[in-house]
Amino acid sequence: MALSWLSNKTKQISSKLGDLPSITTTTSSSSSSTSLTSNGLSYEANEYITNALAEFDLDEPVMDNNTYMLGIGSTSPCFIHPDISIPWKHPLKAVKLKLIESAAGIKSPSSWDQDYVARLTSIILSISKQFGPKWGKTNIMAHDQHYDRLGNVVLGNTGYYVPNSYLFSIVQSHPSLFVPSVSIHPYRKDSVDELMKWVNFGVRMVKWQPSAQGIDPSDSQCDEFYKVMAENEVTLISYCCGTTDGAIEPPHVDASLGNPLLMRRPMSFGVKVIIASCGGDGKSADLDSSFPYPLVDNICLFFRLCSLAKYNKLLFGDISGLTTAGKIDYLEKLLDKKDIHDRLLYGSDYPFSAVNLAVQNYWFINRGMLSEHDGDILSEIYKFNPLIFDFVLKRTLHSKLGNSFSAAVFKENKILSASQHNPSSSPSSSSSPSSSTKPLPHSLPSSKSSLSSSSSSHTSHLTTPTNNTNSGGYTTTTTTLASSMDHDLNNAFLSAPPSPSCVPTRLYQ
């Protein structure tokens, strides 16, 4: 009964949200002096988009620094924890996952992974087709498994997994659209070797989610990893927030590992750090105070770090996720913190920014950050394309004091330019990072998931752009996805038993 009720409730919520935003590419037979009037949008909506893009061009296009790559293992080596999709085990997470699937255009569990990539590429291609060189590249991010401090995989506390080789194959297939952020857990026994492997392929960005992956950024065990990152100018993008019940979080999350103050250690080695959502929501222990440590808003701890001269040109933050529920107070603080806007980067946080329920225009209207007319036009743009909606929303928003984000926030940051570019050369087939032949299971060993084990390799079913202009240095258009990663990682994955949690709970100072 409970399962049936939740299933019906999910359908009701989805129906209230309306249909999935369509990608409008209708061509009008009528002529017009405005090149955008053929796309099906009203004149005013086109004007909003045109004005938002006015300060961007081929040399300085829009750069999206924060987009998730996701998969469940339908046609790839990805997986999500099977309990997340079971309503009676995690009701709220199951509903959230359904909303994400709707926003991401998932048609069927059997085609989940390819649907996700096809939807994302079609949205970006639609923008590029209509607005040309004004829209630049999108940083898509892998996600490593949870490891304990002994270097063992903790499958039972891995919320989701997107292998680096899978992510890289998508970038190879769409070099004009994407740049990669690999994800490497520093407690892995092969972490430095894995880092250097991707450095040799031209990758210059590593993504962490410490509270979900069990990483203490201030742990001295990470020091060698930081040294190699700094030597090779690899940037770290890390989530430092208090979220403990996201749609794809693992069963056990240690929010204390998301304390922005813990990022001081990588910066002490010269590693450039981007704090996603500028710390986002939640509070963390103020480790600079006397014990017992008071709790302080994460974004205020981020502001404190920004105020220190020694972190100039080392510390940055992105504005992804700040328009979603529960974060608008932090967004307004950030709008008024003009002295650090030169450290800010645009991030869409897709697919979460495409979930209608998560971003509601009336929130901003009620706070005086948008006019009612702005809200009406933005609603029209959302139905047209959720990515361009997120961009125009963040370009239009202003605080009660009238402060807004300048165009520079949405462009490539010159200090981080090496991290925001495609790998410079195409790897040869003999040295491909996905060359292992051992099979990798698509789900946890104890899962009742219907997903079957993979064969020795998979051929990508990703949508390839019709006009795949090579602006990233290589011209790969089809990619074979090996169904396993490195030999050591694969053995660890197969042998490690599920564990309730091995997340370290202490705070290093």
Protein backbone atom coordinates (compact mmCIF):
# COMPACT_ATOMS: atom_id res chain seq x y z
CA MET A 1 0.00 0.00 0.00
CA ALA A 2 2.77 2.44 0.92
CA LEU A 3 4.62 1.74 -2.32
CA SER A 4 1.45 2.24 -4.35
CA TRP A 5 0.65 5.49 -2.54
CA LEU A 6 4.15 6.89 -3.11
CA SER A 7 4.07 5.90 -6.77
CA ASN A 8 0.75 7.72 -7.24
CA LYS A 9 2.04 10.72 -5.28
CA THR A 10 5.12 10.91 -7.51
CA LYS A 11 2.92 10.93 -10.61
CA GLN A 12 0.79 13.71 -9.08
CA ILE A 13 3.86 15.83 -8.36
CA SER A 14 5.20 15.27 -11.86
CA SER A 15 1.89 16.24 -13.42
CA LYS A 16 1.78 19.45 -11.37
CA LEU A 17 5.21 20.35 -12.67
CA GLY A 18 3.98 20.16 -16.23
CA ASP A 19 5.56 18.47 -19.16
CA LEU A 20 9.29 18.19 -19.66
CA PRO A 21 10.60 21.44 -21.13
CA SER A 22 10.83 21.04 -24.88
CA ILE A 23 13.77 22.07 -27.01
CA THR A 24 12.12 24.50 -29.36
CA THR A 25 13.65 24.65 -32.81
CA THR A 26 10.58 25.56 -34.83
CA THR A 27 11.30 27.55 -37.97
CA SER A 28 8.77 30.19 -38.91
CA SER A 29 7.91 30.81 -42.55
CA SER A 30 7.45 34.49 -41.90
CA SER A 31 10.39 36.80 -42.40
CA SER A 32 11.70 39.11 -39.71
CA SER A 33 14.56 41.45 -39.21
CA THR A 34 15.31 39.71 -35.88
CA SER A 35 17.19 36.45 -36.37
CA LEU A 36 15.71 34.88 -33.25
CA THR A 37 12.01 35.27 -34.01
CA SER A 38 11.88 31.94 -35.84
CA ASN A 39 12.57 29.89 -32.71
CA GLY A 40 9.04 29.89 -31.33
CA LEU A 41 9.64 32.33 -28.49
CA SER A 42 7.86 35.64 -28.05
CA TYR A 43 9.67 38.80 -29.08
CA GLU A 44 10.20 39.80 -25.44
CA ALA A 45 11.64 36.42 -24.47
CA ASN A 46 14.07 36.64 -27.38
CA GLU A 47 14.99 40.14 -26.26
CA TYR A 48 15.76 38.90 -22.73
CA ILE A 49 18.07 36.21 -24.11
CA THR A 50 19.72 38.61 -26.56
CA ASN A 51 20.37 41.17 -23.82
CA ALA A 52 21.75 38.50 -21.47
CA LEU A 53 24.17 37.36 -24.20
CA ALA A 54 25.10 40.83 -25.46
CA GLU A 55 28.54 40.92 -23.78
CA PHE A 56 29.65 37.50 -25.05
CA ASP A 57 31.31 36.51 -28.33
CA LEU A 58 33.60 33.89 -29.91
CA ASP A 59 36.61 35.06 -27.90
CA GLU A 60 34.69 35.34 -24.62
CA PRO A 61 31.69 32.98 -24.70
CA VAL A 62 29.57 31.69 -21.82
CA MET A 63 31.38 28.99 -19.82
CA ASP A 64 29.35 26.55 -17.70
CA ASN A 65 31.69 25.23 -15.01
CA ASN A 66 29.37 22.83 -13.18
CA THR A 67 27.25 20.16 -14.88
CA TYR A 68 26.68 16.66 -13.59
CA MET A 69 27.23 13.54 -15.64
CA LEU A 70 24.98 10.76 -14.36
CA GLY A 71 24.17 7.18 -15.25
CA ILE A 72 22.66 4.06 -13.69
CA GLY A 73 24.51 1.45 -15.75
CA SER A 74 21.94 0.83 -18.46
CA THR A 75 24.50 1.22 -21.25
CA SER A 76 27.62 2.29 -19.35
CA PRO A 77 29.82 1.34 -16.36
CA CYS A 78 28.05 3.92 -14.15
CA PHE A 79 25.81 3.01 -11.24
CA ILE A 80 23.71 4.50 -8.45
CA HIS A 81 23.14 2.88 -5.09
CA PRO A 82 20.13 0.59 -5.65
CA ASP A 83 18.40 1.64 -2.43
CA ILE A 84 18.05 5.22 -3.70
CA SER A 85 15.36 4.22 -6.20
CA ILE A 86 13.38 2.06 -3.74
CA PRO A 87 10.47 4.17 -2.41
CA TRP A 88 9.92 2.28 0.84
CA LYS A 89 13.61 2.57 1.80
CA HIS A 90 14.22 6.20 0.83
CA PRO A 91 10.86 7.80 -0.05
CA LEU A 92 12.13 11.36 -0.49
CA LYS A 93 15.18 10.32 -2.50
CA ALA A 94 13.04 8.12 -4.74
CA VAL A 95 10.72 11.04 -5.51
CA LYS A 96 13.68 13.36 -6.14
CA LEU A 97 15.24 10.81 -8.50
CA LYS A 98 11.99 10.63 -10.47
CA LEU A 99 11.95 14.41 -10.79
CA ILE A 100 15.57 14.40 -11.99
CA GLU A 101 14.71 11.71 -14.56
CA SER A 102 11.84 13.84 -15.84
CA ALA A 103 14.02 16.96 -16.09
CA ALA A 104 16.83 15.02 -17.79
CA GLY A 105 14.55 13.46 -20.42
CA ILE A 106 14.93 9.84 -19.32
CA LYS A 107 12.58 7.72 -21.43
CA SER A 108 13.24 4.25 -20.05
CA PRO A 109 15.44 2.50 -17.46
CA SER A 110 16.95 0.44 -20.28
CA SER A 111 18.15 3.59 -22.07
CA TRP A 112 18.73 5.79 -19.00
CA ASP A 113 22.40 6.60 -19.61
CA GLN A 114 22.17 7.33 -23.32
CA ASP A 115 18.96 9.34 -22.79
CA TYR A 116 20.78 11.52 -20.26
CA VAL A 117 23.66 12.27 -22.62
CA ALA A 118 21.37 12.76 -25.61
CA ARG A 119 19.18 15.22 -23.71
CA LEU A 120 22.13 17.25 -22.42
CA THR A 121 23.82 17.44 -25.81
CA SER A 122 20.58 18.37 -27.57
CA ILE A 123 19.93 21.22 -25.13
CA ILE A 124 23.43 22.63 -25.62
CA LEU A 125 23.34 22.14 -29.40
CA SER A 126 20.01 23.97 -29.54
CA ILE A 127 21.60 26.98 -27.83
CA SER A 128 24.71 26.83 -30.03
CA LYS A 129 22.59 26.59 -33.18
CA GLN A 130 20.54 29.66 -32.35
CA PHE A 131 23.10 31.83 -30.56
CA GLY A 132 26.30 30.62 -32.22
CA PRO A 133 29.68 31.40 -30.70
CA LYS A 134 28.22 33.26 -27.73
CA TRP A 135 27.69 29.90 -25.95
CA GLY A 136 30.94 28.13 -25.09
CA LYS A 137 31.85 24.88 -23.39
CA THR A 138 30.35 22.93 -20.52
CA ASN A 139 32.40 21.30 -17.78
CA ILE A 140 30.98 17.82 -17.13
CA MET A 141 32.08 15.97 -14.00
CA ALA A 142 32.81 12.35 -13.11
CA HIS A 143 32.25 10.97 -9.59
CA ASP A 144 34.53 8.44 -7.90
CA GLN A 145 33.46 5.78 -5.42
CA HIS A 146 33.63 6.04 -1.64
CA TYR A 147 36.93 4.80 -0.15
CA ASP A 148 38.08 4.28 3.42
CA ARG A 149 41.46 5.56 4.66
CA LEU A 150 43.07 2.19 3.91
CA GLY A 151 42.24 2.60 0.25
CA ASN A 152 39.37 0.10 0.12
CA VAL A 153 36.23 0.75 -1.89
CA VAL A 154 33.15 1.17 0.32
CA LEU A 155 30.41 0.16 -2.09
CA GLY A 156 27.68 0.22 0.53
CA ASN A 157 28.25 3.94 0.99
CA THR A 158 28.76 4.93 -2.63
CA GLY A 159 25.77 6.99 -3.74
CA TYR A 160 26.65 6.99 -7.42
CA TYR A 161 29.62 6.33 -9.64
CA VAL A 162 30.59 7.90 -12.96
CA PRO A 163 33.96 6.48 -14.12
CA ASN A 164 36.57 8.82 -15.54
CA SER A 165 36.95 6.79 -18.73
CA TYR A 166 33.22 6.98 -19.41
CA LEU A 167 33.21 10.73 -18.91
CA PHE A 168 36.27 11.16 -21.14
CA SER A 169 34.64 9.14 -23.93
CA ILE A 170 31.72 11.57 -23.95
CA VAL A 171 34.11 14.52 -24.20
CA GLN A 172 35.87 12.76 -27.08
CA SER A 173 32.53 12.30 -28.85
CA HIS A 174 31.57 15.95 -28.32
CA PRO A 175 34.79 17.98 -28.15
CA SER A 176 33.09 21.20 -29.25
CA LEU A 177 30.65 20.99 -26.32
CA PHE A 178 32.42 19.60 -23.26
CA VAL A 179 35.54 19.76 -21.10
CA PRO A 180 36.17 17.05 -18.48
CA SER A 181 36.54 17.05 -14.71
CA VAL A 182 37.72 13.65 -13.56
CA SER A 183 37.07 12.44 -10.01
CA ILE A 184 39.88 10.70 -8.08
CA HIS A 185 39.54 9.76 -4.43
CA PRO A 186 42.82 10.67 -2.70
CA TYR A 187 42.64 7.60 -0.41
CA ARG A 188 42.88 5.27 -3.40
CA LYS A 189 46.11 3.28 -3.40
CA ASP A 190 46.66 4.35 -7.01
CA SER A 191 45.43 7.94 -6.61
CA VAL A 192 48.64 9.64 -7.78
CA ASP A 193 49.07 7.23 -10.70
CA GLU A 194 45.44 7.78 -11.68
CA LEU A 195 45.92 11.53 -11.49
CA MET A 196 49.03 11.42 -13.67
CA LYS A 197 47.28 9.21 -16.20
CA TRP A 198 44.65 11.87 -16.76
CA VAL A 199 47.18 14.70 -16.62
CA ASN A 200 48.97 12.97 -19.51
CA PHE A 201 45.67 13.04 -21.40
CA GLY A 202 45.46 16.80 -20.86
CA VAL A 203 42.86 16.86 -18.06
CA ARG A 204 43.35 19.70 -15.57
CA MET A 205 40.32 19.48 -13.26
CA VAL A 206 39.48 17.07 -10.41
CA LYS A 207 36.07 17.02 -8.74
CA TRP A 208 35.34 15.94 -5.14
CA GLN A 209 32.25 15.72 -2.99
CA PRO A 210 33.97 15.16 0.39
CA SER A 211 30.92 14.56 2.58
CA ALA A 212 29.54 11.94 0.20
CA GLN A 213 32.84 10.33 -0.83
CA GLY A 214 34.42 10.18 2.64
CA ILE A 215 37.26 12.60 1.91
CA ASP A 216 38.80 14.81 4.58
CA PRO A 217 40.52 17.55 2.53
CA SER A 218 42.69 18.47 5.55
CA ASP A 219 44.03 14.93 6.01
CA SER A 220 47.83 14.72 5.63
CA GLN A 221 47.23 11.49 3.71
CA CYS A 222 46.23 13.74 0.76
CA ASP A 223 49.49 15.71 0.74
CA GLU A 224 51.27 13.77 -2.01
CA PHE A 225 48.16 14.05 -4.15
CA TYR A 226 48.12 17.83 -3.61
CA LYS A 227 51.79 18.15 -4.52
CA VAL A 228 51.23 16.41 -7.85
CA MET A 229 48.13 18.51 -8.50
CA ALA A 230 50.03 21.74 -7.90
CA GLU A 231 53.02 20.66 -10.00
CA ASN A 232 50.71 19.96 -12.94
CA GLU A 233 48.36 22.95 -12.46
CA VAL A 234 45.34 20.77 -11.78
CA THR A 235 42.38 22.62 -10.24
CA LEU A 236 40.19 21.06 -7.54
CA ILE A 237 36.44 21.68 -7.64
CA SER A 238 34.90 20.60 -4.34
CA TYR A 239 31.42 20.61 -2.86
CA CYS A 240 31.47 22.17 0.59
CA CYS A 241 27.88 22.18 1.74
CA GLY A 242 25.67 20.81 4.47
CA THR A 243 23.39 18.72 2.27
CA THR A 244 22.78 15.27 3.76
CA ASP A 245 19.64 14.17 1.92
CA GLY A 246 20.19 14.85 -1.75
CA ALA A 247 18.62 12.69 -4.42
CA ILE A 248 21.80 10.72 -5.10
CA GLU A 249 23.62 10.96 -1.78
CA PRO A 250 24.87 7.70 -0.23
CA PRO A 251 23.12 6.20 2.83
CA HIS A 252 25.61 7.81 5.23
CA VAL A 253 26.94 11.34 4.74
CA ASP A 254 29.37 13.15 7.04
CA ALA A 255 28.52 16.82 6.49
CA SER A 256 31.48 17.88 8.66
CA LEU A 257 33.80 16.92 5.78
CA GLY A 258 32.16 19.65 3.71
CA ASN A 259 33.58 22.42 5.90
CA PRO A 260 35.09 25.11 3.60
CA LEU A 261 37.91 25.68 6.15
CA LEU A 262 39.26 22.21 5.38
CA MET A 263 40.20 23.44 1.90
CA ARG A 264 43.08 25.43 3.39
CA ARG A 265 45.33 22.39 3.21
CA PRO A 266 45.23 21.91 -0.60
CA MET A 267 45.70 25.65 -1.08
CA SER A 268 48.78 25.54 1.20
CA PHE A 269 50.38 23.37 -1.52
CA GLY A 270 49.44 25.86 -4.23
CA VAL A 271 46.40 23.97 -5.52
CA LYS A 272 43.70 26.20 -7.02
CA VAL A 273 40.33 25.41 -5.44
CA ILE A 274 36.80 26.09 -6.68
CA ILE A 275 34.19 25.72 -3.95
CA ALA A 276 30.95 24.70 -5.62
CA SER A 277 27.96 26.92 -4.76
CA CYS A 278 30.42 29.00 -2.69
CA GLY A 279 29.65 26.64 0.18
CA GLY A 280 25.94 26.52 -0.57
CA ASP A 281 23.63 25.75 2.30
CA GLY A 282 24.30 24.43 5.76
CA LYS A 283 26.63 25.30 8.60
CA SER A 284 30.04 24.02 9.65
CA ALA A 285 32.25 24.18 12.72
CA ASP A 286 34.25 27.38 12.98
CA LEU A 287 37.64 25.73 13.54
CA ASP A 288 39.24 29.14 14.12
CA SER A 289 37.24 29.59 17.33
CA SER A 290 37.67 27.96 20.71
CA PHE A 291 36.24 24.52 21.39
CA PRO A 292 33.35 23.72 21.37
CA TYR A 293 33.31 25.14 17.89
CA PRO A 294 30.29 27.29 17.02
CA LEU A 295 28.45 26.56 13.78
CA VAL A 296 28.73 29.20 11.06
CA ASP A 297 27.10 29.44 7.63
CA ASN A 298 29.36 27.78 5.08
CA ILE A 299 29.13 30.74 2.74
CA CYS A 300 30.41 33.01 5.54
CA LEU A 301 33.39 30.69 6.02
CA PHE A 302 33.99 30.96 2.27
CA PHE A 303 33.88 34.76 2.56
CA ARG A 304 36.43 34.59 5.38
CA LEU A 305 38.85 32.58 3.27
CA CYS A 306 38.39 35.03 0.40
CA SER A 307 39.38 37.90 2.68
CA LEU A 308 42.86 36.43 3.23
CA ALA A 309 45.51 37.73 0.82
CA LYS A 310 47.39 34.41 0.78
CA TYR A 311 44.47 32.81 -1.07
CA ASN A 312 44.36 35.37 -3.86
CA LYS A 313 44.44 33.56 -7.22
CA LEU A 314 43.96 30.26 -5.38
CA LEU A 315 40.36 30.33 -4.12
CA PHE A 316 37.26 30.60 -6.31
CA GLY A 317 33.57 29.78 -6.04
CA ASP A 318 30.86 28.93 -8.52
CA ILE A 319 27.24 30.05 -8.44
CA SER A 320 25.72 26.67 -9.28
CA GLY A 321 22.73 25.53 -7.26
CA LEU A 322 22.16 28.87 -5.54
CA THR A 323 18.79 29.45 -7.21
CA THR A 324 17.37 26.18 -5.87
CA ALA A 325 15.17 25.76 -2.81
CA GLY A 326 16.68 26.75 0.52
CA LYS A 327 19.67 28.67 -0.86
CA ILE A 328 18.26 32.05 -1.83
CA ASP A 329 19.41 33.74 1.39
CA TYR A 330 22.97 32.74 0.48
CA LEU A 331 22.47 33.87 -3.11
CA GLU A 332 21.46 37.34 -1.98
CA LYS A 333 24.47 37.59 0.34
CA LEU A 334 26.69 36.65 -2.58
CA LEU A 335 25.10 39.23 -4.89
CA ASP A 336 25.95 41.94 -2.38
CA LYS A 337 29.51 40.69 -1.81
CA LYS A 338 30.83 42.63 -4.81
CA ASP A 339 34.47 42.56 -3.67
CA ILE A 340 34.75 38.82 -4.45
CA HIS A 341 32.80 38.72 -7.73
CA ASP A 342 36.08 38.45 -9.63
CA ARG A 343 36.49 35.01 -7.98
CA LEU A 344 33.09 33.73 -9.11
CA LEU A 345 32.32 31.31 -11.93
CA TYR A 346 29.06 30.41 -13.60
CA GLY A 347 27.71 26.89 -13.12
CA SER A 348 24.28 25.62 -14.14
CA ASP A 349 24.14 22.63 -11.75
CA TYR A 350 22.27 20.70 -14.47
CA PRO A 351 20.14 18.56 -14.18
CA PHE A 352 19.05 19.94 -10.79
CA SER A 353 18.51 23.44 -12.20
CA ALA A 354 16.13 21.92 -14.77
CA VAL A 355 13.80 20.49 -12.11
CA ASN A 356 10.85 22.86 -12.11
CA LEU A 357 9.96 22.21 -8.48
CA ALA A 358 13.49 23.12 -7.38
CA VAL A 359 13.57 26.58 -9.01
CA GLN A 360 10.47 28.73 -8.72
CA ASN A 361 10.40 32.30 -10.05
CA TYR A 362 7.90 33.50 -7.47
CA TRP A 363 10.50 33.03 -4.73
CA PHE A 364 12.60 35.77 -6.32
CA ILE A 365 9.58 37.94 -7.12
CA ASN A 366 8.43 37.85 -3.49
CA ARG A 367 11.90 38.96 -2.35
CA GLY A 368 12.12 41.81 -4.86
CA MET A 369 14.89 40.11 -6.87
CA LEU A 370 12.76 39.86 -10.01
CA SER A 371 9.73 41.74 -11.29
CA GLU A 372 6.52 39.87 -12.04
CA HIS A 373 7.10 40.56 -15.70
CA ASP A 374 10.61 39.05 -15.42
CA GLY A 375 9.01 35.95 -13.92
CA ASP A 376 6.53 35.57 -16.78
CA ILE A 377 9.24 35.87 -19.43
CA LEU A 378 11.59 33.52 -17.59
CA SER A 379 8.83 30.90 -17.33
CA GLU A 380 8.50 31.03 -21.09
CA ILE A 381 12.25 30.64 -21.52
CA TYR A 382 12.28 27.65 -19.14
CA LYS A 383 9.83 25.80 -21.35
CA PHE A 384 11.98 26.67 -24.35
CA ASN A 385 15.29 25.46 -22.89
CA PRO A 386 16.14 24.95 -19.17
CA LEU A 387 19.85 25.68 -19.61
CA ILE A 388 19.37 29.06 -21.25
CA PHE A 389 16.70 29.72 -18.60
CA ASP A 390 19.25 29.17 -15.80
CA PHE A 391 21.71 31.50 -17.52
CA VAL A 392 19.18 34.29 -18.16
CA LEU A 393 17.77 33.94 -14.62
CA LYS A 394 21.21 34.43 -13.07
CA ARG A 395 21.96 37.34 -15.41
CA THR A 396 18.63 38.99 -14.51
CA LEU A 397 18.56 38.49 -10.74
CA HIS A 398 19.50 41.39 -8.47
CA SER A 399 19.61 41.91 -4.73
CA LYS A 400 17.44 44.40 -2.88
CA LEU A 401 20.42 46.75 -3.10
CA GLY A 402 20.42 46.42 -6.88
CA ASN A 403 23.56 44.30 -7.15
CA SER A 404 23.82 41.63 -9.85
CA PHE A 405 26.39 39.30 -11.40
CA SER A 406 28.46 40.91 -14.15
CA ALA A 407 29.14 39.25 -17.48
CA ALA A 408 32.69 38.40 -16.31
CA VAL A 409 31.27 35.79 -13.89
CA PHE A 410 29.89 33.86 -16.86
CA LYS A 411 33.07 33.92 -18.95
CA GLU A 412 36.21 31.81 -18.78
CA ASN A 413 38.37 32.82 -15.83
CA LYS A 414 41.85 33.61 -17.15
CA ILE A 415 43.57 32.32 -14.01
CA LEU A 416 41.83 28.96 -14.47
CA SER A 417 42.06 28.83 -18.26
CA ALA A 418 44.18 25.65 -18.33
CA SER A 419 41.45 23.81 -16.42
CA GLN A 420 38.62 25.11 -18.60
CA HIS A 421 39.98 23.86 -21.93
CA ASN A 422 39.72 20.52 -23.69
CA PRO A 423 42.62 18.07 -23.55
CA SER A 424 45.09 19.24 -26.17
CA SER A 425 45.66 15.99 -27.99
CA SER A 426 43.78 12.88 -28.93
CA PRO A 427 44.83 9.73 -27.13
CA SER A 428 45.73 6.88 -29.41
CA SER A 429 43.68 3.70 -29.37
CA SER A 430 46.59 1.76 -27.91
CA SER A 431 46.92 4.13 -24.96
CA SER A 432 43.25 4.83 -24.40
CA PRO A 433 42.42 5.24 -20.71
CA SER A 434 39.57 2.76 -21.11
CA SER A 435 41.65 -0.09 -22.48
CA SER A 436 41.11 -2.63 -19.70
CA THR A 437 39.11 -5.71 -20.65
CA LYS A 438 37.87 -6.97 -17.27
CA PRO A 439 34.10 -6.66 -16.84
CA LEU A 440 32.75 -4.09 -14.40
CA PRO A 441 29.35 -4.78 -12.78
CA HIS A 442 26.68 -2.13 -13.19
CA SER A 443 25.38 -2.27 -9.63
CA LEU A 444 26.32 -3.28 -6.11
CA PRO A 445 26.92 -7.02 -5.64
CA SER A 446 23.99 -7.31 -3.23
CA SER A 447 21.60 -5.29 -5.38
CA LYS A 448 18.32 -6.72 -6.65
CA SER A 449 18.66 -4.43 -9.63
CA SER A 450 17.53 -5.87 -12.94
CA LEU A 451 20.55 -4.38 -14.65
CA SER A 452 22.69 -7.14 -16.09
CA SER A 453 26.45 -7.49 -15.99
CA SER A 454 28.23 -6.02 -18.94
CA SER A 455 30.13 -7.82 -21.63
CA SER A 456 33.81 -7.09 -22.13
CA SER A 457 33.11 -3.80 -23.87
CA HIS A 458 30.29 -1.47 -24.87
CA THR A 459 29.87 0.63 -27.94
CA SER A 460 28.70 4.10 -27.06
CA HIS A 461 25.15 4.98 -28.09
CA LEU A 462 25.74 8.67 -27.49
CA THR A 463 24.22 11.28 -29.74
CA THR A 464 26.92 12.83 -31.90
CA PRO A 465 26.50 16.44 -33.05
CA THR A 466 25.61 16.82 -36.70
CA ASN A 467 28.27 19.46 -37.06
CA ASN A 468 30.98 18.22 -34.74
CA THR A 469 33.52 20.98 -35.22
CA ASN A 470 36.75 20.09 -33.54
CA SER A 471 37.75 22.96 -31.32
CA GLY A 472 39.39 20.76 -28.73
CA GLY A 473 42.32 19.38 -30.72
CA TYR A 474 40.90 16.03 -31.77
CA THR A 475 38.12 14.71 -33.99
CA THR A 476 36.81 11.54 -32.36
CA THR A 477 33.16 11.01 -33.28
CA THR A 478 32.54 7.43 -32.10
CA THR A 479 33.94 5.85 -29.00
CA THR A 480 34.17 2.31 -27.67
CA LEU A 481 33.52 2.23 -23.93
CA ALA A 482 35.46 -0.48 -22.17
CA SER A 483 33.36 -1.82 -19.35
CA SER A 484 36.12 -1.55 -16.76
CA MET A 485 38.63 0.96 -15.56
CA ASP A 486 42.05 0.20 -14.12
CA HIS A 487 43.07 -3.30 -13.06
CA ASP A 488 43.55 -2.39 -9.40
CA LEU A 489 40.32 -0.39 -9.22
CA ASN A 490 38.37 -3.20 -10.86
CA ASN A 491 39.73 -5.80 -8.42
CA ALA A 492 38.87 -3.56 -5.48
CA PHE A 493 35.37 -3.03 -6.83
CA LEU A 494 34.76 -6.75 -7.26
CA SER A 495 36.23 -7.86 -3.94
CA ALA A 496 35.19 -5.15 -1.49
CA PRO A 497 32.04 -6.10 0.48
CA PRO A 498 29.32 -3.50 1.05
CA SER A 499 29.91 -1.65 4.31
CA PRO A 500 27.53 0.54 6.28
CA SER A 501 29.96 3.42 6.46
CA CYS A 502 33.65 4.13 6.69
CA VAL A 503 33.38 7.90 6.60
CA PRO A 504 35.95 9.49 8.88
CA THR A 505 34.22 11.59 11.52
CA ARG A 506 37.07 13.62 12.94
CA LEU A 507 38.03 17.10 11.81
CA TYR A 508 41.64 17.84 11.00
CA GLN A 509 42.72 21.39 11.75
